[in-house]
C-alpha atoms as a PDB file:
ATOM      1  CA  MET A   1     -27.503  14.355  65.704  1.00  0.00           C
ATOM      2  CA  ARG A   2     -24.369  13.482  67.676  1.00  0.00           C
ATOM      3  CA  ASN A   3     -24.045   9.985  66.192  1.00  0.00           C
ATOM      4  CA  TYR A   4     -26.077  10.622  63.057  1.00  0.00           C
ATOM      5  CA  LYS A   5     -22.987  11.269  60.959  1.00  0.00           C
ATOM      6  CA  ASP A   6     -21.755   7.747  61.724  1.00  0.00           C
ATOM      7  CA  SER A   7     -24.648   6.289  59.725  1.00  0.00           C
ATOM      8  CA  TYR A   8     -23.235   7.811  56.527  1.00  0.00           C
ATOM      9  CA  THR A   9     -20.461   6.358  54.425  1.00  0.00           C
ATOM     10  CA  PRO A  10     -17.295   8.474  54.092  1.00  0.00           C
ATOM     11  CA  ASP A  11     -18.295   9.615  50.593  1.00  0.00           C
ATOM     12  CA  THR A  12     -21.748  10.807  51.731  1.00  0.00           C
ATOM     13  CA  ARG A  13     -20.955  12.316  55.168  1.00  0.00           C
ATOM     14  CA  HIS A  14     -21.168  15.808  53.753  1.00  0.00           C
ATOM     15  CA  PHE A  15     -24.964  15.328  53.650  1.00  0.00           C
ATOM     16  CA  ALA A  16     -24.933  14.891  57.437  1.00  0.00           C
ATOM     17  CA  ASP A  17     -22.951  18.127  57.674  1.00  0.00           C
ATOM     18  CA  PHE A  18     -25.487  19.926  55.463  1.00  0.00           C
ATOM     19  CA  LEU A  19     -28.398  18.628  57.531  1.00  0.00           C
ATOM     20  CA  SER A  20     -26.752  19.394  60.848  1.00  0.00           C
ATOM     21  CA  ALA A  21     -25.691  22.907  59.917  1.00  0.00           C
ATOM     22  CA  ASN A  22     -28.840  23.929  58.095  1.00  0.00           C
ATOM     23  CA  CYS A  23     -31.779  22.265  59.790  1.00  0.00           C
ATOM     24  CA  PHE A  24     -30.469  21.900  63.306  1.00  0.00           C
ATOM     25  CA  GLY A  25     -27.951  24.715  63.294  1.00  0.00           C
ATOM     26  CA  ASP A  26     -30.140  27.381  61.710  1.00  0.00           C
ATOM     27  CA  TYR A  27     -33.784  26.447  62.166  1.00  0.00           C
ATOM     28  CA  TYR A  28     -33.747  24.662  65.501  1.00  0.00           C
ATOM     29  CA  THR A  29     -31.717  27.360  67.221  1.00  0.00           C
ATOM     30  CA  ARG A  30     -33.923  30.267  66.155  1.00  0.00           C
ATOM     31  CA  THR A  31     -35.942  32.056  68.793  1.00  0.00           C
ATOM     32  CA  GLY A  32     -39.723  32.432  68.877  1.00  0.00           C
ATOM     33  CA  LEU A  33     -40.774  28.796  69.287  1.00  0.00           C
ATOM     34  CA  ASP A  34     -39.813  26.485  72.087  1.00  0.00           C
ATOM     35  CA  LEU A  35     -38.283  23.109  71.264  1.00  0.00           C
ATOM     36  CA  LYS A  36     -41.387  21.140  72.294  1.00  0.00           C
ATOM     37  CA  PHE A  37     -43.617  23.072  69.879  1.00  0.00           C
ATOM     38  CA  ARG A  38     -40.960  23.049  67.147  1.00  0.00           C
ATOM     39  CA  GLU A  39     -40.716  19.231  67.349  1.00  0.00           C
ATOM     40  CA  LEU A  40     -44.496  18.942  67.159  1.00  0.00           C
ATOM     41  CA  LEU A  41     -44.614  21.165  64.074  1.00  0.00           C
ATOM     42  CA  THR A  42     -41.852  19.130  62.445  1.00  0.00           C
ATOM     43  CA  PHE A  43     -43.876  15.970  63.124  1.00  0.00           C
ATOM     44  CA  VAL A  44     -46.952  17.563  61.493  1.00  0.00           C
ATOM     45  CA  ILE A  45     -45.008  18.638  58.430  1.00  0.00           C
ATOM     46  CA  LEU A  46     -43.358  15.244  57.934  1.00  0.00           C
ATOM     47  CA  ALA A  47     -46.627  13.367  58.491  1.00  0.00           C
ATOM     48  CA  SER A  48     -48.261  15.623  55.911  1.00  0.00           C
ATOM     49  CA  LEU A  49     -45.551  15.031  53.330  1.00  0.00           C
ATOM     50  CA  GLY A  50     -45.791  11.257  53.383  1.00  0.00           C
ATOM     51  CA  GLY A  51     -43.028   8.987  52.122  1.00  0.00           C
ATOM     52  CA  VAL A  52     -40.592  10.203  54.766  1.00  0.00           C
ATOM     53  CA  GLU A  53     -41.185   7.560  57.408  1.00  0.00           C
ATOM     54  CA  SER A  54     -37.539   7.348  58.478  1.00  0.00           C
ATOM     55  CA  GLN A  55     -37.461  11.057  59.292  1.00  0.00           C
ATOM     56  CA  LEU A  56     -40.957  10.870  60.808  1.00  0.00           C
ATOM     57  CA  LYS A  57     -39.841   8.128  63.209  1.00  0.00           C
ATOM     58  CA  ALA A  58     -36.794  10.151  64.205  1.00  0.00           C
ATOM     59  CA  HIS A  59     -39.025  13.102  65.042  1.00  0.00           C
ATOM     60  CA  ILE A  60     -41.475  10.898  66.928  1.00  0.00           C
ATOM     61  CA  THR A  61     -38.525   9.951  69.110  1.00  0.00           C
ATOM     62  CA  GLY A  62     -37.630  13.631  69.384  1.00  0.00           C
ATOM     63  CA  ASN A  63     -41.188  14.485  70.391  1.00  0.00           C
ATOM     64  CA  ILE A  64     -41.223  11.822  73.087  1.00  0.00           C
ATOM     65  CA  ARG A  65     -37.903  13.128  74.443  1.00  0.00           C
ATOM     66  CA  VAL A  66     -39.206  16.695  74.756  1.00  0.00           C
ATOM     67  CA  GLY A  67     -42.496  15.677  76.393  1.00  0.00           C
ATOM     68  CA  ASN A  68     -44.965  15.278  73.538  1.00  0.00           C
ATOM     69  CA  ASP A  69     -46.248  11.802  74.360  1.00  0.00           C
ATOM     70  CA  ARG A  70     -47.895   9.134  72.213  1.00  0.00           C
ATOM     71  CA  ALA A  71     -51.385  10.383  73.124  1.00  0.00           C
ATOM     72  CA  LYS A  72     -50.570  13.900  71.921  1.00  0.00           C
ATOM     73  CA  LEU A  73     -49.104  12.628  68.643  1.00  0.00           C
ATOM     74  CA  ILE A  74     -52.193  10.481  68.013  1.00  0.00           C
ATOM     75  CA  SER A  75     -54.434  13.482  68.769  1.00  0.00           C
ATOM     76  CA  VAL A  76     -52.485  15.518  66.237  1.00  0.00           C
ATOM     77  CA  VAL A  77     -52.823  12.824  63.564  1.00  0.00           C
ATOM     78  CA  THR A  78     -56.559  12.630  64.303  1.00  0.00           C
ATOM     79  CA  LEU A  79     -56.823  16.367  63.656  1.00  0.00           C
ATOM     80  CA  LEU A  80     -54.827  16.030  60.439  1.00  0.00           C
ATOM     81  CA  VAL A  81     -56.979  13.326  58.790  1.00  0.00           C
ATOM     82  CA  PRO A  82     -59.262  15.675  56.817  1.00  0.00           C
ATOM     83  CA  TYR A  83     -56.288  17.744  55.661  1.00  0.00           C
ATOM     84  CA  ILE A  84     -53.691  15.119  54.758  1.00  0.00           C
ATOM     85  CA  GLY A  85     -55.927  12.125  54.022  1.00  0.00           C
ATOM     86  CA  TYR A  86     -55.999   8.584  55.275  1.00  0.00           C
ATOM     87  CA  PRO A  87     -52.827   7.271  53.592  1.00  0.00           C
ATOM     88  CA  CYS A  88     -50.554   9.834  55.257  1.00  0.00           C
ATOM     89  CA  SER A  89     -52.483   9.609  58.533  1.00  0.00           C
ATOM     90  CA  LEU A  90     -52.266   5.819  58.643  1.00  0.00           C
ATOM     91  CA  ASN A  91     -48.556   5.939  57.809  1.00  0.00           C
ATOM     92  CA  ALA A  92     -48.045   8.374  60.689  1.00  0.00           C
ATOM     93  CA  LEU A  93     -49.988   6.090  63.048  1.00  0.00           C
ATOM     94  CA  SER A  94     -47.898   3.144  61.934  1.00  0.00           C
ATOM     95  CA  ALA A  95     -44.714   5.131  62.611  1.00  0.00           C
ATOM     96  CA  ILE A  96     -46.018   6.068  66.072  1.00  0.00           C
ATOM     97  CA  ASN A  97     -46.837   2.419  66.806  1.00  0.00           C
ATOM     98  CA  GLU A  98     -43.363   1.305  65.749  1.00  0.00           C
ATOM     99  CA  THR A  99     -41.532   4.063  67.576  1.00  0.00           C
ATOM    100  CA  ALA A 100     -43.678   4.535  70.688  1.00  0.00           C
ATOM    101  CA  PRO A 101     -45.730   1.333  71.091  1.00  0.00           C
ATOM    102  CA  TYR A 102     -48.976   1.278  73.077  1.00  0.00           C
ATOM    103  CA  LYS A 103     -48.568   0.159  76.670  1.00  0.00           C
ATOM    104  CA  GLU A 104     -51.363  -1.021  78.946  1.00  0.00           C
ATOM    105  CA  LYS A 105     -51.764   1.212  81.977  1.00  0.00           C
END
């Protein structure tokens, strides 16, 4: 979020302030869930919504940073298929592939 505000034009920067204060200021700083689990839940919610690929990719990056690797995210999407359907699942897989590409071991 440090540089996120820079992606907004001067007349829309207040949206970055809203997002930062509300989502990351209020919800992400609450107790009860650790950051790793909170990021994973956010990924699940965004994948389930569909049509929010930009935010989904940002939270894939967030998941990778906190230790939820590509394999875990793919396992989660696999679990979600019967609940969110193939379109949302395939969009989530595509976002994972773009954000955290497969690497041969």
